[in-house]
Amino acid sequence: MNSIIKFIELENRVISANYRNLMIKAKVVLVDKASGKQLPDPVATIASPAPNGSLRIRLPDSVRSGIYYLRALNGHGEAAAQSVEFHIS
């Protein structure tokens, strides 16, 4: 089963994304491309029992300008999918 996380848009510091084949308790995190490190906040947890859906992630003020991507982690914390890169200004 191939999981997918698809970045849709960033507007007013809110990220919109769609996902497929992510099970309940999977997490979607923000990763800084320059360092490759996962940011501790924000973290979105999939709560829907349906494996497909959409999510919105509000960015805290601590997230600085740069290039980022979304990473989906399965229930065991292993990387399951990655979005395209996008710029936060």
PDB file of N, CA and C in Angstrom:
ATOM      1  N   MET A   1       0.853  -1.172   0.000  1.00  0.00           N
ATOM      2  CA  MET A   1       0.000   0.000   0.000  1.00  0.00           C
ATOM      3  C   MET A   1       0.900   1.237   0.000  1.00  0.00           C
ATOM      4  N   ASN A   2       0.829   2.025  -1.045  1.00  0.00           N
ATOM      5  CA  ASN A   2       1.638   3.233  -1.175  1.00  0.00           C
ATOM      6  C   ASN A   2       0.903   4.423  -0.577  1.00  0.00           C
ATOM      7  N   SER A   3       1.505   5.041   0.419  1.00  0.00           N
ATOM      8  CA  SER A   3       0.924   6.232   1.043  1.00  0.00           C
ATOM      9  C   SER A   3       1.352   7.465   0.264  1.00  0.00           C
ATOM     10  N   ILE A   4       0.483   8.479   0.265  1.00  0.00           N
ATOM     11  CA  ILE A   4       0.756   9.727  -0.455  1.00  0.00           C
ATOM     12  C   ILE A   4       0.355  10.897   0.432  1.00  0.00           C
ATOM     13  N   ILE A   5       1.202  11.931   0.472  1.00  0.00           N
ATOM     14  CA  ILE A   5       0.845  13.211   1.094  1.00  0.00           C
ATOM     15  C   ILE A   5       1.069  14.267   0.015  1.00  0.00           C
ATOM     16  N   LYS A   6       0.027  15.009  -0.308  1.00  0.00           N
ATOM     17  CA  LYS A   6       0.091  15.965  -1.421  1.00  0.00           C
ATOM     18  C   LYS A   6      -0.149  17.379  -0.897  1.00  0.00           C
ATOM     19  N   PHE A   7       0.877  18.215  -0.993  1.00  0.00           N
ATOM     20  CA  PHE A   7       0.759  19.630  -0.643  1.00  0.00           C
ATOM     21  C   PHE A   7      -0.175  20.292  -1.647  1.00  0.00           C
ATOM     22  N   ILE A   8      -1.176  21.040  -1.130  1.00  0.00           N
ATOM     23  CA  ILE A   8      -2.112  21.739  -2.002  1.00  0.00           C
ATOM     24  C   ILE A   8      -1.788  23.228  -2.057  1.00  0.00           C
ATOM     25  N   GLU A   9      -1.751  23.885  -0.873  1.00  0.00           N
ATOM     26  CA  GLU A   9      -1.462  25.321  -0.858  1.00  0.00           C
ATOM     27  C   GLU A   9      -1.048  25.770   0.537  1.00  0.00           C
ATOM     28  N   LEU A  10      -0.447  26.956   0.561  1.00  0.00           N
ATOM     29  CA  LEU A  10      -0.095  27.653   1.801  1.00  0.00           C
ATOM     30  C   LEU A  10      -0.712  29.031   1.699  1.00  0.00           C
ATOM     31  N   GLU A  11      -1.641  29.324   2.590  1.00  0.00           N
ATOM     32  CA  GLU A  11      -2.305  30.619   2.576  1.00  0.00           C
ATOM     33  C   GLU A  11      -2.535  31.071   4.013  1.00  0.00           C
ATOM     34  N   ASN A  12      -2.100  32.293   4.315  1.00  0.00           N
ATOM     35  CA  ASN A  12      -2.247  32.851   5.669  1.00  0.00           C
ATOM     36  C   ASN A  12      -1.673  31.922   6.740  1.00  0.00           C
ATOM     37  N   ARG A  13      -0.503  31.348   6.430  1.00  0.00           N
ATOM     38  CA  ARG A  13       0.222  30.455   7.347  1.00  0.00           C
ATOM     39  C   ARG A  13      -0.572  29.200   7.711  1.00  0.00           C
ATOM     40  N   VAL A  14      -1.416  28.765   6.783  1.00  0.00           N
ATOM     41  CA  VAL A  14      -2.135  27.499   6.939  1.00  0.00           C
ATOM     42  C   VAL A  14      -1.829  26.631   5.721  1.00  0.00           C
ATOM     43  N   ILE A  15      -1.308  25.435   5.976  1.00  0.00           N
ATOM     44  CA  ILE A  15      -0.994  24.483   4.912  1.00  0.00           C
ATOM     45  C   ILE A  15      -2.204  23.584   4.696  1.00  0.00           C
ATOM     46  N   SER A  16      -2.590  23.422   3.441  1.00  0.00           N
ATOM     47  CA  SER A  16      -3.637  22.474   3.077  1.00  0.00           C
ATOM     48  C   SER A  16      -2.978  21.323   2.329  1.00  0.00           C
ATOM     49  N   ALA A  17      -3.388  20.101   2.666  1.00  0.00           N
ATOM     50  CA  ALA A  17      -2.816  18.919   2.021  1.00  0.00           C
ATOM     51  C   ALA A  17      -3.861  17.816   1.948  1.00  0.00           C
ATOM     52  N   ASN A  18      -3.671  16.920   0.991  1.00  0.00           N
ATOM     53  CA  ASN A  18      -4.489  15.717   0.878  1.00  0.00           C
ATOM     54  C   ASN A  18      -3.606  14.514   1.160  1.00  0.00           C
ATOM     55  N   TYR A  19      -4.198  13.449   1.663  1.00  0.00           N
ATOM     56  CA  TYR A  19      -3.434  12.229   1.907  1.00  0.00           C
ATOM     57  C   TYR A  19      -4.226  11.020   1.432  1.00  0.00           C
ATOM     58  N   ARG A  20      -3.479   9.970   1.109  1.00  0.00           N
ATOM     59  CA  ARG A  20      -4.071   8.684   0.721  1.00  0.00           C
ATOM     60  C   ARG A  20      -3.311   7.575   1.410  1.00  0.00           C
ATOM     61  N   ASN A  21      -4.035   6.567   1.811  1.00  0.00           N
ATOM     62  CA  ASN A  21      -3.464   5.355   2.418  1.00  0.00           C
ATOM     63  C   ASN A  21      -2.666   5.636   3.689  1.00  0.00           C
ATOM     64  N   LEU A  22      -3.137   6.591   4.500  1.00  0.00           N
ATOM     65  CA  LEU A  22      -2.564   6.812   5.826  1.00  0.00           C
ATOM     66  C   LEU A  22      -3.580   6.327   6.850  1.00  0.00           C
ATOM     67  N   MET A  23      -3.141   5.486   7.732  1.00  0.00           N
ATOM     68  CA  MET A  23      -4.048   4.901   8.709  1.00  0.00           C
ATOM     69  C   MET A  23      -4.165   5.786   9.947  1.00  0.00           C
ATOM     70  N   ILE A  24      -5.172   5.504  10.736  1.00  0.00           N
ATOM     71  CA  ILE A  24      -5.416   6.244  11.969  1.00  0.00           C
ATOM     72  C   ILE A  24      -4.142   6.231  12.826  1.00  0.00           C
ATOM     73  N   LYS A  25      -3.857   7.341  13.472  1.00  0.00           N
ATOM     74  CA  LYS A  25      -2.677   7.596  14.313  1.00  0.00           C
ATOM     75  C   LYS A  25      -1.399   7.868  13.526  1.00  0.00           C
ATOM     76  N   ALA A  26      -1.486   7.911  12.192  1.00  0.00           N
ATOM     77  CA  ALA A  26      -0.334   8.358  11.412  1.00  0.00           C
ATOM     78  C   ALA A  26      -0.146   9.847  11.694  1.00  0.00           C
ATOM     79  N   LYS A  27       1.061  10.345  11.547  1.00  0.00           N
ATOM     80  CA  LYS A  27       1.351  11.751  11.803  1.00  0.00           C
ATOM     81  C   LYS A  27       1.902  12.410  10.550  1.00  0.00           C
ATOM     82  N   VAL A  28       1.598  13.697  10.395  1.00  0.00           N
ATOM     83  CA  VAL A  28       2.162  14.500   9.310  1.00  0.00           C
ATOM     84  C   VAL A  28       2.955  15.616   9.965  1.00  0.00           C
ATOM     85  N   VAL A  29       4.225  15.708   9.607  1.00  0.00           N
ATOM     86  CA  VAL A  29       5.131  16.672  10.220  1.00  0.00           C
ATOM     87  C   VAL A  29       5.733  17.566   9.143  1.00  0.00           C
ATOM     88  N   LEU A  30       6.275  18.689   9.581  1.00  0.00           N
ATOM     89  CA  LEU A  30       6.947  19.646   8.701  1.00  0.00           C
ATOM     90  C   LEU A  30       8.450  19.433   8.824  1.00  0.00           C
ATOM     91  N   VAL A  31       9.135  19.375   7.680  1.00  0.00           N
ATOM     92  CA  VAL A  31      10.581  19.140   7.665  1.00  0.00           C
ATOM     93  C   VAL A  31      11.264  20.302   6.955  1.00  0.00           C
ATOM     94  N   ASP A  32      12.319  20.831   7.577  1.00  0.00           N
ATOM     95  CA  ASP A  32      13.138  21.889   6.992  1.00  0.00           C
ATOM     96  C   ASP A  32      14.096  21.252   5.990  1.00  0.00           C
ATOM     97  N   LYS A  33      13.992  21.638   4.721  1.00  0.00           N
ATOM     98  CA  LYS A  33      14.826  21.029   3.689  1.00  0.00           C
ATOM     99  C   LYS A  33      16.315  21.273   3.939  1.00  0.00           C
ATOM    100  N   ALA A  34      16.674  22.475   4.383  1.00  0.00           N
ATOM    101  CA  ALA A  34      18.091  22.817   4.549  1.00  0.00           C
ATOM    102  C   ALA A  34      18.788  21.908   5.564  1.00  0.00           C
ATOM    103  N   SER A  35      18.122  21.639   6.681  1.00  0.00           N
ATOM    104  CA  SER A  35      18.742  20.819   7.725  1.00  0.00           C
ATOM    105  C   SER A  35      18.306  19.362   7.663  1.00  0.00           C
ATOM    106  N   GLY A  36      17.164  19.105   7.007  1.00  0.00           N
ATOM    107  CA  GLY A  36      16.624  17.747   6.977  1.00  0.00           C
ATOM    108  C   GLY A  36      15.946  17.341   8.267  1.00  0.00           C
ATOM    109  N   LYS A  37      15.819  18.298   9.185  1.00  0.00           N
ATOM    110  CA  LYS A  37      15.252  17.990  10.503  1.00  0.00           C
ATOM    111  C   LYS A  37      13.754  18.257  10.549  1.00  0.00           C
ATOM    112  N   GLN A  38      13.089  17.379  11.258  1.00  0.00           N
ATOM    113  CA  GLN A  38      11.657  17.510  11.498  1.00  0.00           C
ATOM    114  C   GLN A  38      11.436  18.572  12.565  1.00  0.00           C
ATOM    115  N   LEU A  39      10.491  19.472  12.327  1.00  0.00           N
ATOM    116  CA  LEU A  39      10.161  20.488  13.329  1.00  0.00           C
ATOM    117  C   LEU A  39       9.288  19.859  14.415  1.00  0.00           C
ATOM    118  N   PRO A  40       9.512  20.236  15.677  1.00  0.00           N
ATOM    119  CA  PRO A  40       8.706  19.655  16.764  1.00  0.00           C
ATOM    120  C   PRO A  40       7.251  20.102  16.727  1.00  0.00           C
ATOM    121  N   ASP A  41       6.996  21.235  16.082  1.00  0.00           N
ATOM    122  CA  ASP A  41       5.643  21.763  15.992  1.00  0.00           C
ATOM    123  C   ASP A  41       5.534  22.470  14.651  1.00  0.00           C
ATOM    124  N   PRO A  42       4.551  22.264  13.857  1.00  0.00           N
ATOM    125  CA  PRO A  42       3.306  21.556  14.111  1.00  0.00           C
ATOM    126  C   PRO A  42       3.398  20.068  13.768  1.00  0.00           C
ATOM    127  N   VAL A  43       2.513  19.284  14.387  1.00  0.00           N
ATOM    128  CA  VAL A  43       2.341  17.870  14.080  1.00  0.00           C
ATOM    129  C   VAL A  43       0.843  17.622  13.960  1.00  0.00           C
ATOM    130  N   ALA A  44       0.415  17.053  12.847  1.00  0.00           N
ATOM    131  CA  ALA A  44      -0.997  16.708  12.659  1.00  0.00           C
ATOM    132  C   ALA A  44      -1.120  15.190  12.756  1.00  0.00           C
ATOM    133  N   THR A  45      -2.065  14.717  13.552  1.00  0.00           N
ATOM    134  CA  THR A  45      -2.306  13.284  13.706  1.00  0.00           C
ATOM    135  C   THR A  45      -3.600  12.917  12.983  1.00  0.00           C
ATOM    136  N   ILE A  46      -3.533  11.887  12.184  1.00  0.00           N
ATOM    137  CA  ILE A  46      -4.713  11.414  11.459  1.00  0.00           C
ATOM    138  C   ILE A  46      -5.648  10.747  12.464  1.00  0.00           C
ATOM    139  N   ALA A  47      -6.852  11.282  12.581  1.00  0.00           N
ATOM    140  CA  ALA A  47      -7.829  10.757  13.538  1.00  0.00           C
ATOM    141  C   ALA A  47      -8.976  10.023  12.856  1.00  0.00           C
ATOM    142  N   SER A  48      -9.094  10.174  11.556  1.00  0.00           N
ATOM    143  CA  SER A  48     -10.189   9.555  10.811  1.00  0.00           C
ATOM    144  C   SER A  48      -9.881   8.091  10.533  1.00  0.00           C
ATOM    145  N   PRO A  49     -10.869   7.208  10.680  1.00  0.00           N
ATOM    146  CA  PRO A  49     -10.630   5.811  10.338  1.00  0.00           C
ATOM    147  C   PRO A  49     -10.517   5.581   8.828  1.00  0.00           C
ATOM    148  N   ALA A  50     -10.955   6.566   8.022  1.00  0.00           N
ATOM    149  CA  ALA A  50     -10.828   6.458   6.562  1.00  0.00           C
ATOM    150  C   ALA A  50      -9.371   6.721   6.172  1.00  0.00           C
ATOM    151  N   PRO A  51      -8.800   5.919   5.272  1.00  0.00           N
ATOM    152  CA  PRO A  51      -7.387   6.094   4.923  1.00  0.00           C
ATOM    153  C   PRO A  51      -7.113   7.265   3.987  1.00  0.00           C
ATOM    154  N   ASN A  52      -8.148   7.928   3.467  1.00  0.00           N
ATOM    155  CA  ASN A  52      -7.969   9.043   2.542  1.00  0.00           C
ATOM    156  C   ASN A  52      -8.665  10.271   3.106  1.00  0.00           C
ATOM    157  N   GLY A  53      -8.057  11.450   2.899  1.00  0.00           N
ATOM    158  CA  GLY A  53      -8.696  12.662   3.383  1.00  0.00           C
ATOM    159  C   GLY A  53      -7.854  13.892   3.145  1.00  0.00           C
ATOM    160  N   SER A  54      -8.198  14.952   3.857  1.00  0.00           N
ATOM    161  CA  SER A  54      -7.461  16.208   3.742  1.00  0.00           C
ATOM    162  C   SER A  54      -7.174  16.725   5.138  1.00  0.00           C
ATOM    163  N   LEU A  55      -6.205  17.615   5.209  1.00  0.00           N
ATOM    164  CA  LEU A  55      -5.866  18.212   6.500  1.00  0.00           C
ATOM    165  C   LEU A  55      -5.390  19.630   6.311  1.00  0.00           C
ATOM    166  N   ARG A  56      -5.471  20.376   7.381  1.00  0.00           N
ATOM    167  CA  ARG A  56      -4.991  21.763   7.417  1.00  0.00           C
ATOM    168  C   ARG A  56      -4.076  21.879   8.627  1.00  0.00           C
ATOM    169  N   ILE A  57      -2.923  22.480   8.414  1.00  0.00           N
ATOM    170  CA  ILE A  57      -1.937  22.647   9.484  1.00  0.00           C
ATOM    171  C   ILE A  57      -1.636  24.132   9.631  1.00  0.00           C
ATOM    172  N   ARG A  58      -1.956  24.684  10.795  1.00  0.00           N
ATOM    173  CA  ARG A  58      -1.636  26.096  11.065  1.00  0.00           C
ATOM    174  C   ARG A  58      -0.185  26.166  11.532  1.00  0.00           C
ATOM    175  N   LEU A  59       0.572  27.062  10.904  1.00  0.00           N
ATOM    176  CA  LEU A  59       1.982  27.225  11.254  1.00  0.00           C
ATOM    177  C   LEU A  59       2.130  28.165  12.437  1.00  0.00           C
ATOM    178  N   PRO A  60       2.865  27.753  13.464  1.00  0.00           N
ATOM    179  CA  PRO A  60       3.136  28.668  14.571  1.00  0.00           C
ATOM    180  C   PRO A  60       4.113  29.751  14.127  1.00  0.00           C
ATOM    181  N   ASP A  61       4.166  30.836  14.877  1.00  0.00           N
ATOM    182  CA  ASP A  61       5.067  31.947  14.540  1.00  0.00           C
ATOM    183  C   ASP A  61       6.538  31.532  14.579  1.00  0.00           C
ATOM    184  N   SER A  62       6.846  30.437  15.272  1.00  0.00           N
ATOM    185  CA  SER A  62       8.240  29.993  15.385  1.00  0.00           C
ATOM    186  C   SER A  62       8.780  29.415  14.078  1.00  0.00           C
ATOM    187  N   VAL A  63       7.903  29.089  13.117  1.00  0.00           N
ATOM    188  CA  VAL A  63       8.358  28.566  11.821  1.00  0.00           C
ATOM    189  C   VAL A  63       8.845  29.733  10.970  1.00  0.00           C
ATOM    190  N   ARG A  64      10.126  29.717  10.649  1.00  0.00           N
ATOM    191  CA  ARG A  64      10.761  30.814   9.912  1.00  0.00           C
ATOM    192  C   ARG A  64      10.699  30.575   8.404  1.00  0.00           C
ATOM    193  N   SER A  65      11.055  31.595   7.663  1.00  0.00           N
ATOM    194  CA  SER A  65      11.109  31.499   6.197  1.00  0.00           C
ATOM    195  C   SER A  65      12.075  30.405   5.778  1.00  0.00           C
ATOM    196  N   GLY A  66      11.738  29.748   4.681  1.00  0.00           N
ATOM    197  CA  GLY A  66      12.615  28.710   4.157  1.00  0.00           C
ATOM    198  C   GLY A  66      11.851  27.745   3.275  1.00  0.00           C
ATOM    199  N   ILE A  67      12.546  26.696   2.865  1.00  0.00           N
ATOM    200  CA  ILE A  67      11.943  25.660   2.034  1.00  0.00           C
ATOM    201  C   ILE A  67      11.675  24.450   2.922  1.00  0.00           C
ATOM    202  N   TYR A  68      10.455  23.947   2.829  1.00  0.00           N
ATOM    203  CA  TYR A  68      10.003  22.848   3.675  1.00  0.00           C
ATOM    204  C   TYR A  68       9.282  21.810   2.838  1.00  0.00           C
ATOM    205  N   TYR A  69       9.008  20.672   3.440  1.00  0.00           N
ATOM    206  CA  TYR A  69       8.128  19.667   2.858  1.00  0.00           C
ATOM    207  C   TYR A  69       7.413  18.945   3.987  1.00  0.00           C
ATOM    208  N   LEU A  70       6.336  18.271   3.648  1.00  0.00           N
ATOM    209  CA  LEU A  70       5.585  17.482   4.617  1.00  0.00           C
ATOM    210  C   LEU A  70       6.072  16.043   4.555  1.00  0.00           C
ATOM    211  N   ARG A  71       6.153  15.407   5.714  1.00  0.00           N
ATOM    212  CA  ARG A  71       6.507  13.991   5.783  1.00  0.00           C
ATOM    213  C   ARG A  71       5.409  13.286   6.571  1.00  0.00           C
ATOM    214  N   ALA A  72       4.897  12.214   6.013  1.00  0.00           N
ATOM    215  CA  ALA A  72       3.908  11.397   6.708  1.00  0.00           C
ATOM    216  C   ALA A  72       4.636  10.243   7.392  1.00  0.00           C
ATOM    217  N   LEU A  73       4.317  10.031   8.659  1.00  0.00           N
ATOM    218  CA  LEU A  73       4.899   8.944   9.443  1.00  0.00           C
ATOM    219  C   LEU A  73       3.801   7.953   9.792  1.00  0.00           C
ATOM    220  N   ASN A  74       4.082   6.672   9.617  1.00  0.00           N
ATOM    221  CA  ASN A  74       3.067   5.676   9.954  1.00  0.00           C
ATOM    222  C   ASN A  74       2.957   5.550  11.480  1.00  0.00           C
ATOM    223  N   GLY A  75       2.101   4.676  11.942  1.00  0.00           N
ATOM    224  CA  GLY A  75       1.872   4.501  13.369  1.00  0.00           C
ATOM    225  C   GLY A  75       3.098   4.067  14.154  1.00  0.00           C
ATOM    226  N   HIS A  76       4.121   3.562  13.459  1.00  0.00           N
ATOM    227  CA  HIS A  76       5.367   3.144  14.104  1.00  0.00           C
ATOM    228  C   HIS A  76       6.441   4.227  14.054  1.00  0.00           C
ATOM    229  N   GLY A  77       6.097   5.396  13.474  1.00  0.00           N
ATOM    230  CA  GLY A  77       7.046   6.501  13.380  1.00  0.00           C
ATOM    231  C   GLY A  77       7.979   6.421  12.188  1.00  0.00           C
ATOM    232  N   GLU A  78       7.716   5.489  11.273  1.00  0.00           N
ATOM    233  CA  GLU A  78       8.558   5.339  10.083  1.00  0.00           C
ATOM    234  C   GLU A  78       8.015   6.203   8.950  1.00  0.00           C
ATOM    235  N   ALA A  79       8.901   6.759   8.139  1.00  0.00           N
ATOM    236  CA  ALA A  79       8.485   7.588   7.006  1.00  0.00           C
ATOM    237  C   ALA A  79       7.623   6.767   6.052  1.00  0.00           C
ATOM    238  N   ALA A  80       6.459   7.328   5.699  1.00  0.00           N
ATOM    239  CA  ALA A  80       5.533   6.638   4.802  1.00  0.00           C
ATOM    240  C   ALA A  80       5.367   7.388   3.481  1.00  0.00           C
ATOM    241  N   ALA A  81       5.509   8.707   3.512  1.00  0.00           N
ATOM    242  CA  ALA A  81       5.325   9.507   2.291  1.00  0.00           C
ATOM    243  C   ALA A  81       5.945  10.882   2.501  1.00  0.00           C
ATOM    244  N   GLN A  82       6.184  11.576   1.391  1.00  0.00           N
ATOM    245  CA  GLN A  82       6.750  12.926   1.438  1.00  0.00           C
ATOM    246  C   GLN A  82       6.115  13.770   0.346  1.00  0.00           C
ATOM    247  N   SER A  83       5.849  15.033   0.673  1.00  0.00           N
ATOM    248  CA  SER A  83       5.254  15.943  -0.305  1.00  0.00           C
ATOM    249  C   SER A  83       6.335  16.623  -1.131  1.00  0.00           C
ATOM    250  N   VAL A  84       5.899  17.414  -2.086  1.00  0.00           N
ATOM    251  CA  VAL A  84       6.821  18.270  -2.820  1.00  0.00           C
ATOM    252  C   VAL A  84       7.296  19.373  -1.871  1.00  0.00           C
ATOM    253  N   GLU A  85       8.369  20.033  -2.250  1.00  0.00           N
ATOM    254  CA  GLU A  85       8.890  21.138  -1.454  1.00  0.00           C
ATOM    255  C   GLU A  85       8.059  22.395  -1.702  1.00  0.00           C
ATOM    256  N   PHE A  86       7.997  23.253  -0.697  1.00  0.00           N
ATOM    257  CA  PHE A  86       7.299  24.534  -0.836  1.00  0.00           C
ATOM    258  C   PHE A  86       8.011  25.564   0.016  1.00  0.00           C
ATOM    259  N   HIS A  87       7.806  26.844  -0.318  1.00  0.00           N
ATOM    260  CA  HIS A  87       8.502  27.945   0.343  1.00  0.00           C
ATOM    261  C   HIS A  87       7.571  28.635   1.322  1.00  0.00           C
ATOM    262  N   ILE A  88       8.074  28.856   2.515  1.00  0.00           N
ATOM    263  CA  ILE A  88       7.349  29.641   3.532  1.00  0.00           C
ATOM    264  C   ILE A  88       8.091  30.965   3.666  1.00  0.00           C
ATOM    265  N   SER A  89       7.357  32.078   3.544  1.00  0.00           N
ATOM    266  CA  SER A  89       8.003  33.389   3.664  1.00  0.00           C
ATOM    267  C   SER A  89       7.439  34.155   4.841  1.00  0.00           C
TER     268      SER A  89
END
